[in-house]
Amino acid sequence: MKTWRGILKIIEIEHRRGTKVLWAQNNIWNQLHLKGEEFLLNCCFNNNGNYPPSEYYFGLDSRVSISQADTMDDLDGEPTASGYTRQPRSSNGGFIVESNSGNYRASSNIMTFTAVGGGWGPVKNIFMATSSDNTGVLISTAALSQELSLIDGDSVNLRMALSLS
């Protein structure tokens, strides 16, 4: 039996400065958080009209370690200026559900975080949440192999997929 890694996989991510790729990584597995697990099960089996949210949000932070018990209150070092915003994806059409090697997955298009008017970082994690602020549920987090610090004009581009396999 394969070791369970969670729900989110970053298919590809890169830190760009203009046309130059400064760093790239592929196939990053995540940690599914306990509240994220509860949220997903409620979406599927206990829908009381509040699920799913209209959008999911993806963000960057710099927690030193990631724990299954992490919540939104544990986010640390998420940028707050210079053009940073969590990237929303609609729960109704923001993903393409497709078959991949005999398993289904929901894939995103490319998401871009861009530093504007200044820099930010270091960041070392990508997280998925249910809100653009800290009132929602932290679903999962993927740790990067390297800390990223962006200067004005740099971008982080990524494409990810969610799967139950």
Protein backbone atom coordinates (compact mmCIF):
# COMPACT_ATOMS: atom_id res chain seq x y z
CA MET A 1 0.00 0.00 0.00
CA LYS A 2 1.33 3.44 -0.94
CA THR A 3 2.01 5.98 1.78
CA TRP A 4 -0.80 8.52 1.90
CA ARG A 5 0.43 12.02 1.15
CA GLY A 6 -2.77 14.05 1.09
CA ILE A 7 -4.80 15.58 -1.70
CA LEU A 8 -2.67 18.28 -3.35
CA LYS A 9 0.30 17.86 -5.65
CA ILE A 10 2.20 20.78 -7.12
CA ILE A 11 2.86 19.53 -10.66
CA GLU A 12 5.33 22.29 -11.45
CA ILE A 13 6.54 25.52 -9.88
CA GLU A 14 9.15 28.05 -10.92
CA HIS A 15 10.61 31.32 -9.63
CA ARG A 16 11.19 33.68 -12.58
CA ARG A 17 13.05 36.94 -12.94
CA GLY A 18 12.00 38.26 -16.32
CA THR A 19 12.57 35.43 -18.79
CA LYS A 20 15.12 33.66 -16.58
CA VAL A 21 14.06 30.71 -14.41
CA LEU A 22 15.91 31.05 -11.10
CA TRP A 23 14.54 27.86 -9.54
CA ALA A 24 12.09 25.13 -10.47
CA GLN A 25 10.67 22.00 -8.86
CA ASN A 26 8.18 19.34 -9.99
CA ASN A 27 5.87 16.86 -8.25
CA ILE A 28 5.70 18.29 -4.73
CA TRP A 29 3.44 16.30 -2.40
CA ASN A 30 1.52 17.93 0.44
CA GLN A 31 0.41 17.50 4.02
CA LEU A 32 -3.37 17.22 4.39
CA HIS A 33 -4.32 19.06 7.61
CA LEU A 34 -6.86 17.61 10.05
CA LYS A 35 -9.33 20.48 9.58
CA GLY A 36 -8.86 20.11 5.82
CA GLU A 37 -9.72 16.43 6.05
CA GLU A 38 -12.83 17.25 8.10
CA PHE A 39 -13.80 19.96 5.59
CA LEU A 40 -13.48 17.62 2.58
CA LEU A 41 -15.51 14.86 4.26
CA ASN A 42 -18.22 17.38 5.17
CA CYS A 43 -18.28 18.59 1.54
CA CYS A 44 -18.90 15.07 0.31
CA PHE A 45 -21.04 13.52 3.02
CA ASN A 46 -22.60 16.19 5.21
CA ASN A 47 -23.49 19.01 2.85
CA ASN A 48 -25.64 21.43 4.83
CA GLY A 49 -25.65 24.11 2.14
CA ASN A 50 -22.32 25.67 3.16
CA TYR A 51 -20.11 23.49 0.96
CA PRO A 52 -18.15 23.88 -1.17
CA PRO A 53 -17.03 27.51 -0.93
CA SER A 54 -17.36 29.57 -4.12
CA GLU A 55 -13.57 29.76 -4.31
CA TYR A 56 -10.48 28.09 -2.92
CA TYR A 57 -7.39 30.19 -2.20
CA PHE A 58 -3.72 29.37 -2.63
CA GLY A 59 -1.04 31.25 -0.75
CA LEU A 60 2.61 31.29 0.29
CA ASP A 61 4.11 31.34 3.77
CA SER A 62 7.32 30.52 5.62
CA ARG A 63 6.43 28.10 8.42
CA VAL A 64 9.54 26.25 9.54
CA SER A 65 7.70 22.96 9.85
CA ILE A 66 4.34 21.67 8.68
CA SER A 67 2.09 19.65 10.95
CA GLN A 68 -1.09 17.72 10.30
CA ALA A 69 -2.65 19.76 13.13
CA ASP A 70 -1.85 23.16 11.52
CA THR A 71 -4.71 25.65 11.13
CA MET A 72 -4.98 29.12 9.60
CA ASP A 73 -3.60 30.53 12.88
CA ASP A 74 -0.34 28.66 12.25
CA LEU A 75 0.44 30.44 8.98
CA ASP A 76 3.65 32.40 9.43
CA GLY A 77 5.46 34.86 7.20
CA GLU A 78 2.76 35.15 4.53
CA PRO A 79 3.61 38.27 2.49
CA THR A 80 1.33 41.25 3.10
CA ALA A 81 2.56 43.88 0.63
CA SER A 82 4.17 44.48 -2.77
CA GLY A 83 1.36 42.99 -4.83
CA TYR A 84 0.97 39.70 -2.96
CA THR A 85 -2.53 38.24 -2.78
CA ARG A 86 -3.78 34.71 -2.29
CA GLN A 87 -4.70 33.26 -5.67
CA PRO A 88 -8.39 32.30 -5.95
CA ARG A 89 -9.71 29.39 -8.01
CA SER A 90 -13.44 28.90 -8.48
CA SER A 91 -14.96 25.72 -7.10
CA ASN A 92 -17.29 25.88 -10.12
CA GLY A 93 -15.08 25.68 -13.18
CA GLY A 94 -11.70 26.72 -11.77
CA PHE A 95 -10.31 23.21 -12.25
CA ILE A 96 -10.34 20.70 -15.08
CA VAL A 97 -11.28 17.18 -13.99
CA GLU A 98 -9.34 14.72 -16.11
CA SER A 99 -8.07 11.17 -16.14
CA ASN A 100 -4.33 10.83 -15.57
CA SER A 101 -2.69 7.41 -15.62
CA GLY A 102 -5.92 5.67 -14.63
CA ASN A 103 -6.82 8.09 -11.82
CA TYR A 104 -8.91 11.22 -11.91
CA ARG A 105 -7.55 14.57 -10.81
CA ALA A 106 -8.70 18.19 -10.74
CA SER A 107 -5.98 20.33 -12.36
CA SER A 108 -5.56 24.08 -12.23
CA ASN A 109 -4.32 26.38 -14.91
CA ILE A 110 -1.09 28.26 -14.13
CA MET A 111 -1.29 30.49 -11.06
CA THR A 112 1.06 33.45 -10.76
CA PHE A 113 2.23 35.36 -7.70
CA THR A 114 4.08 38.55 -8.70
CA ALA A 115 6.05 40.99 -6.54
CA VAL A 116 5.05 44.53 -7.54
CA GLY A 117 6.64 47.71 -6.18
CA GLY A 118 8.95 45.81 -3.84
CA GLY A 119 9.97 42.34 -2.82
CA TRP A 120 8.77 39.71 -0.40
CA GLY A 121 9.91 36.52 1.17
CA PRO A 122 11.46 34.30 2.04
CA VAL A 123 8.59 31.89 1.52
CA LYS A 124 8.91 28.13 1.59
CA ASN A 125 5.39 26.67 1.53
CA ILE A 126 2.31 26.74 -0.67
CA PHE A 127 -1.02 26.28 1.08
CA MET A 128 -4.64 25.72 0.07
CA ALA A 129 -7.41 27.35 2.12
CA THR A 130 -11.11 28.17 1.93
CA SER A 131 -10.79 31.95 2.44
CA SER A 132 -8.80 34.98 1.37
CA ASP A 133 -8.25 35.84 5.05
CA ASN A 134 -7.62 33.70 8.13
CA THR A 135 -11.29 32.93 8.88
CA GLY A 136 -11.42 29.80 6.73
CA VAL A 137 -10.01 26.29 6.83
CA LEU A 138 -6.39 25.41 6.05
CA ILE A 139 -6.80 22.35 3.83
CA SER A 140 -3.25 21.41 2.89
CA THR A 141 0.33 22.65 2.58
CA ALA A 142 3.19 21.67 0.26
CA ALA A 143 6.78 22.45 1.31
CA LEU A 144 9.20 23.73 -1.33
CA SER A 145 12.74 22.38 -1.56
CA GLN A 146 14.13 25.92 -1.36
CA GLU A 147 13.15 29.24 0.22
CA LEU A 148 12.13 31.87 -2.33
CA SER A 149 12.75 35.62 -1.98
CA LEU A 150 11.30 37.79 -4.70
CA ILE A 151 12.35 41.26 -5.79
CA ASP A 152 10.17 43.75 -7.65
CA GLY A 153 9.00 42.11 -10.89
CA ASP A 154 9.81 38.50 -9.92
CA SER A 155 7.06 35.92 -10.16
CA VAL A 156 6.25 32.45 -8.89
CA ASN A 157 4.26 30.39 -11.39
CA LEU A 158 2.74 27.07 -10.49
CA ARG A 159 0.31 24.46 -11.70
CA MET A 160 -1.22 21.98 -9.32
CA ALA A 161 -3.61 19.07 -9.18
CA LEU A 162 -5.85 17.53 -6.53
CA SER A 163 -6.34 13.80 -6.45
CA LEU A 164 -7.70 11.12 -4.13
CA SER A 165 -5.40 8.37 -5.34
